Amino acid sequence: MRVLRDSSEDEMVLAFLSAEVDSDRFGAIVRQLLGDLDLVRNADTTDATANQTRRSVLAHTVAGAVTASYSSGSRLTCAGGS
């Protein structure tokens, strides 16, 4: 695994919702709570209102437990490479 750069909480929330929006387990509730799929598909992590909406959606799903354990200093990574 190679560290690309530090990531923000907003990027981590977006990454999680992006993965779950089409999942069998949480997809339906995530889509329902998001309402506007552009919040995930064409996301702008500099938009404070959109970031708050995504955090709220995450908090209202089972995945909200991930947010509680999130700590600053997380890193965006990719598999392979160095």
N, C-alpha and C. Protein backbone atom coordinates (compact mmCIF):
# COMPACT_ATOMS: atom_id res chain seq x y z
N MET A 1 0.85 -1.16 0.00
CA MET A 1 0.00 0.00 0.00
C MET A 1 0.90 1.23 0.00
N ARG A 2 0.50 2.23 -0.75
CA ARG A 2 1.27 3.46 -0.87
C ARG A 2 0.41 4.63 -0.39
N VAL A 3 0.95 5.46 0.48
CA VAL A 3 0.24 6.65 0.95
C VAL A 3 0.32 7.72 -0.14
N LEU A 4 -0.84 8.19 -0.58
CA LEU A 4 -0.88 9.23 -1.60
C LEU A 4 -0.80 10.61 -0.97
N ARG A 5 -1.59 10.79 0.09
CA ARG A 5 -1.63 12.07 0.81
C ARG A 5 -2.56 11.91 2.00
N ASP A 6 -2.49 12.86 2.92
CA ASP A 6 -3.44 12.88 4.02
C ASP A 6 -4.82 13.17 3.45
N SER A 7 -5.85 12.65 4.10
CA SER A 7 -7.22 12.88 3.65
C SER A 7 -8.01 13.57 4.73
N SER A 8 -9.07 14.22 4.31
CA SER A 8 -9.93 14.92 5.26
C SER A 8 -11.07 13.99 5.70
N GLU A 9 -11.73 14.36 6.78
CA GLU A 9 -12.90 13.61 7.22
C GLU A 9 -13.97 13.64 6.14
N ASP A 10 -14.13 14.78 5.48
CA ASP A 10 -15.14 14.89 4.42
C ASP A 10 -14.86 13.91 3.28
N GLU A 11 -13.58 13.73 2.94
CA GLU A 11 -13.22 12.77 1.90
C GLU A 11 -13.49 11.33 2.35
N MET A 12 -13.25 11.05 3.61
CA MET A 12 -13.49 9.70 4.13
C MET A 12 -14.99 9.39 4.14
N VAL A 13 -15.81 10.34 4.55
CA VAL A 13 -17.27 10.16 4.54
C VAL A 13 -17.73 9.92 3.11
N LEU A 14 -17.24 10.75 2.17
CA LEU A 14 -17.60 10.58 0.77
C LEU A 14 -17.17 9.21 0.24
N ALA A 15 -15.98 8.78 0.56
CA ALA A 15 -15.50 7.48 0.09
C ALA A 15 -16.39 6.35 0.61
N PHE A 16 -16.77 6.44 1.88
CA PHE A 16 -17.62 5.40 2.45
C PHE A 16 -18.99 5.38 1.77
N LEU A 17 -19.61 6.55 1.64
CA LEU A 17 -20.93 6.61 1.00
C LEU A 17 -20.87 6.20 -0.46
N SER A 18 -19.78 6.55 -1.14
CA SER A 18 -19.62 6.16 -2.54
C SER A 18 -19.62 4.64 -2.68
N ALA A 19 -18.99 3.98 -1.73
CA ALA A 19 -18.94 2.52 -1.76
C ALA A 19 -20.29 1.91 -1.39
N GLU A 20 -21.02 2.54 -0.51
CA GLU A 20 -22.27 1.97 -0.01
C GLU A 20 -23.50 2.33 -0.83
N VAL A 21 -23.45 3.38 -1.62
CA VAL A 21 -24.65 3.85 -2.33
C VAL A 21 -25.25 2.78 -3.25
N ASP A 22 -24.42 1.89 -3.76
CA ASP A 22 -24.92 0.82 -4.64
C ASP A 22 -24.86 -0.56 -4.00
N SER A 23 -24.54 -0.61 -2.71
CA SER A 23 -24.43 -1.92 -2.05
C SER A 23 -25.80 -2.53 -1.79
N ASP A 24 -25.83 -3.85 -1.74
CA ASP A 24 -27.09 -4.54 -1.44
C ASP A 24 -27.55 -4.26 -0.02
N ARG A 25 -26.60 -4.16 0.90
CA ARG A 25 -26.96 -4.05 2.31
C ARG A 25 -27.47 -2.66 2.70
N PHE A 26 -26.76 -1.60 2.30
CA PHE A 26 -27.12 -0.25 2.74
C PHE A 26 -27.52 0.70 1.61
N GLY A 27 -27.40 0.23 0.37
CA GLY A 27 -27.64 1.11 -0.77
C GLY A 27 -28.99 1.82 -0.75
N ALA A 28 -30.05 1.09 -0.48
CA ALA A 28 -31.39 1.69 -0.53
C ALA A 28 -31.55 2.81 0.49
N ILE A 29 -31.11 2.58 1.71
CA ILE A 29 -31.26 3.61 2.74
C ILE A 29 -30.33 4.79 2.47
N VAL A 30 -29.12 4.52 1.98
CA VAL A 30 -28.21 5.62 1.66
C VAL A 30 -28.79 6.48 0.54
N ARG A 31 -29.31 5.84 -0.51
CA ARG A 31 -29.92 6.60 -1.62
C ARG A 31 -31.13 7.39 -1.14
N GLN A 32 -31.95 6.78 -0.30
CA GLN A 32 -33.13 7.47 0.21
C GLN A 32 -32.73 8.69 1.03
N LEU A 33 -31.77 8.54 1.92
CA LEU A 33 -31.35 9.65 2.78
C LEU A 33 -30.63 10.73 1.99
N LEU A 34 -29.84 10.34 0.98
CA LEU A 34 -29.14 11.33 0.17
C LEU A 34 -30.12 12.15 -0.66
N GLY A 35 -31.09 11.47 -1.25
CA GLY A 35 -32.03 12.16 -2.12
C GLY A 35 -31.38 12.51 -3.46
N ASP A 36 -30.35 13.31 -3.43
CA ASP A 36 -29.63 13.76 -4.62
C ASP A 36 -28.34 12.96 -4.74
N LEU A 37 -28.28 12.03 -5.70
CA LEU A 37 -27.09 11.19 -5.85
C LEU A 37 -25.87 11.98 -6.30
N ASP A 38 -26.06 13.20 -6.80
CA ASP A 38 -24.92 14.04 -7.15
C ASP A 38 -24.07 14.35 -5.92
N LEU A 39 -24.65 14.25 -4.74
CA LEU A 39 -23.88 14.46 -3.51
C LEU A 39 -22.76 13.43 -3.37
N VAL A 40 -22.90 12.31 -4.08
CA VAL A 40 -21.87 11.28 -4.07
C VAL A 40 -21.21 11.14 -5.44
N ARG A 41 -22.01 11.13 -6.48
CA ARG A 41 -21.49 10.87 -7.82
C ARG A 41 -20.67 12.05 -8.38
N ASN A 42 -21.04 13.27 -8.06
CA ASN A 42 -20.35 14.47 -8.53
C ASN A 42 -20.05 15.37 -7.33
N ALA A 43 -19.44 14.81 -6.34
CA ALA A 43 -19.25 15.48 -5.05
C ALA A 43 -18.23 16.61 -5.11
N ASP A 44 -18.51 17.62 -4.29
CA ASP A 44 -17.60 18.74 -4.09
C ASP A 44 -17.32 18.81 -2.59
N THR A 45 -16.14 18.37 -2.18
CA THR A 45 -15.84 18.34 -0.75
C THR A 45 -15.48 19.72 -0.20
N THR A 46 -15.54 20.76 -1.05
CA THR A 46 -15.36 22.12 -0.54
C THR A 46 -16.71 22.77 -0.22
N ASP A 47 -17.80 22.08 -0.50
CA ASP A 47 -19.15 22.58 -0.25
C ASP A 47 -19.58 22.15 1.17
N ALA A 48 -19.59 23.10 2.09
CA ALA A 48 -19.88 22.80 3.50
C ALA A 48 -21.28 22.20 3.69
N THR A 49 -22.26 22.68 2.95
CA THR A 49 -23.62 22.16 3.08
C THR A 49 -23.69 20.71 2.62
N ALA A 50 -23.07 20.42 1.50
CA ALA A 50 -23.05 19.05 0.98
C ALA A 50 -22.30 18.12 1.94
N ASN A 51 -21.19 18.61 2.49
CA ASN A 51 -20.43 17.80 3.45
C ASN A 51 -21.28 17.48 4.68
N GLN A 52 -22.03 18.44 5.17
CA GLN A 52 -22.89 18.21 6.33
C GLN A 52 -23.99 17.21 6.00
N THR A 53 -24.54 17.31 4.82
CA THR A 53 -25.57 16.36 4.40
C THR A 53 -25.00 14.95 4.36
N ARG A 54 -23.82 14.79 3.78
CA ARG A 54 -23.19 13.46 3.72
C ARG A 54 -22.89 12.92 5.12
N ARG A 55 -22.40 13.78 6.01
CA ARG A 55 -22.13 13.33 7.39
C ARG A 55 -23.42 12.88 8.06
N SER A 56 -24.50 13.60 7.83
CA SER A 56 -25.79 13.26 8.42
C SER A 56 -26.29 11.91 7.89
N VAL A 57 -26.14 11.69 6.59
CA VAL A 57 -26.56 10.41 6.01
C VAL A 57 -25.75 9.28 6.63
N LEU A 58 -24.45 9.46 6.73
CA LEU A 58 -23.60 8.44 7.33
C LEU A 58 -24.01 8.16 8.77
N ALA A 59 -24.31 9.20 9.52
CA ALA A 59 -24.69 9.05 10.92
C ALA A 59 -26.01 8.30 11.07
N HIS A 60 -26.87 8.36 10.07
CA HIS A 60 -28.17 7.71 10.14
C HIS A 60 -28.18 6.31 9.56
N THR A 61 -27.02 5.79 9.22
CA THR A 61 -26.92 4.42 8.73
C THR A 61 -26.11 3.61 9.72
N VAL A 62 -26.09 2.34 9.55
CA VAL A 62 -25.27 1.48 10.41
C VAL A 62 -23.81 1.90 10.29
N ALA A 63 -23.44 2.44 9.16
CA ALA A 63 -22.07 2.88 8.94
C ALA A 63 -21.68 4.04 9.84
N GLY A 64 -22.61 4.63 10.51
CA GLY A 64 -22.31 5.72 11.42
C GLY A 64 -21.31 5.33 12.49
N ALA A 65 -21.22 4.07 12.80
CA ALA A 65 -20.24 3.61 13.78
C ALA A 65 -18.82 3.87 13.30
N VAL A 66 -18.61 3.88 12.00
CA VAL A 66 -17.29 4.16 11.44
C VAL A 66 -16.89 5.60 11.75
N THR A 67 -17.83 6.52 11.63
CA THR A 67 -17.53 7.93 11.90
C THR A 67 -17.09 8.11 13.34
N ALA A 68 -17.71 7.39 14.25
CA ALA A 68 -17.38 7.53 15.66
C ALA A 68 -15.95 7.10 15.95
N SER A 69 -15.43 6.18 15.15
CA SER A 69 -14.07 5.70 15.39
C SER A 69 -13.04 6.39 14.49
N TYR A 70 -13.50 7.27 13.60
CA TYR A 70 -12.59 7.97 12.70
C TYR A 70 -11.68 8.90 13.51
N SER A 71 -10.43 8.89 13.21
CA SER A 71 -9.52 9.80 13.89
C SER A 71 -8.80 10.65 12.85
N SER A 72 -8.52 11.88 13.18
CA SER A 72 -7.82 12.74 12.25
C SER A 72 -6.44 12.15 11.99
N GLY A 73 -5.91 12.48 10.85
CA GLY A 73 -4.63 11.93 10.49
C GLY A 73 -4.74 10.70 9.62
N SER A 74 -5.95 10.35 9.21
CA SER A 74 -6.11 9.24 8.30
C SER A 74 -5.47 9.60 6.97
N ARG A 75 -5.14 8.59 6.21
CA ARG A 75 -4.46 8.83 4.95
C ARG A 75 -5.21 8.17 3.82
N LEU A 76 -5.18 8.83 2.67
CA LEU A 76 -5.73 8.28 1.45
C LEU A 76 -4.66 7.36 0.87
N THR A 77 -5.04 6.11 0.60
CA THR A 77 -4.05 5.15 0.12
C THR A 77 -4.54 4.44 -1.12
N CYS A 78 -3.62 3.80 -1.80
CA CYS A 78 -4.00 2.93 -2.92
C CYS A 78 -3.18 1.66 -2.80
N ALA A 79 -3.72 0.58 -3.33
CA ALA A 79 -3.01 -0.69 -3.28
C ALA A 79 -1.90 -0.70 -4.31
N GLY A 80 -0.81 -1.37 -3.99
CA GLY A 80 0.29 -1.52 -4.93
C GLY A 80 1.19 -0.30 -4.96
N GLY A 81 2.23 -0.39 -5.72
CA GLY A 81 3.15 0.73 -5.89
C GLY A 81 3.91 1.05 -4.62
N SER A 82 4.80 2.02 -4.74
CA SER A 82 5.55 2.44 -3.56
C SER A 82 5.80 3.92 -3.60
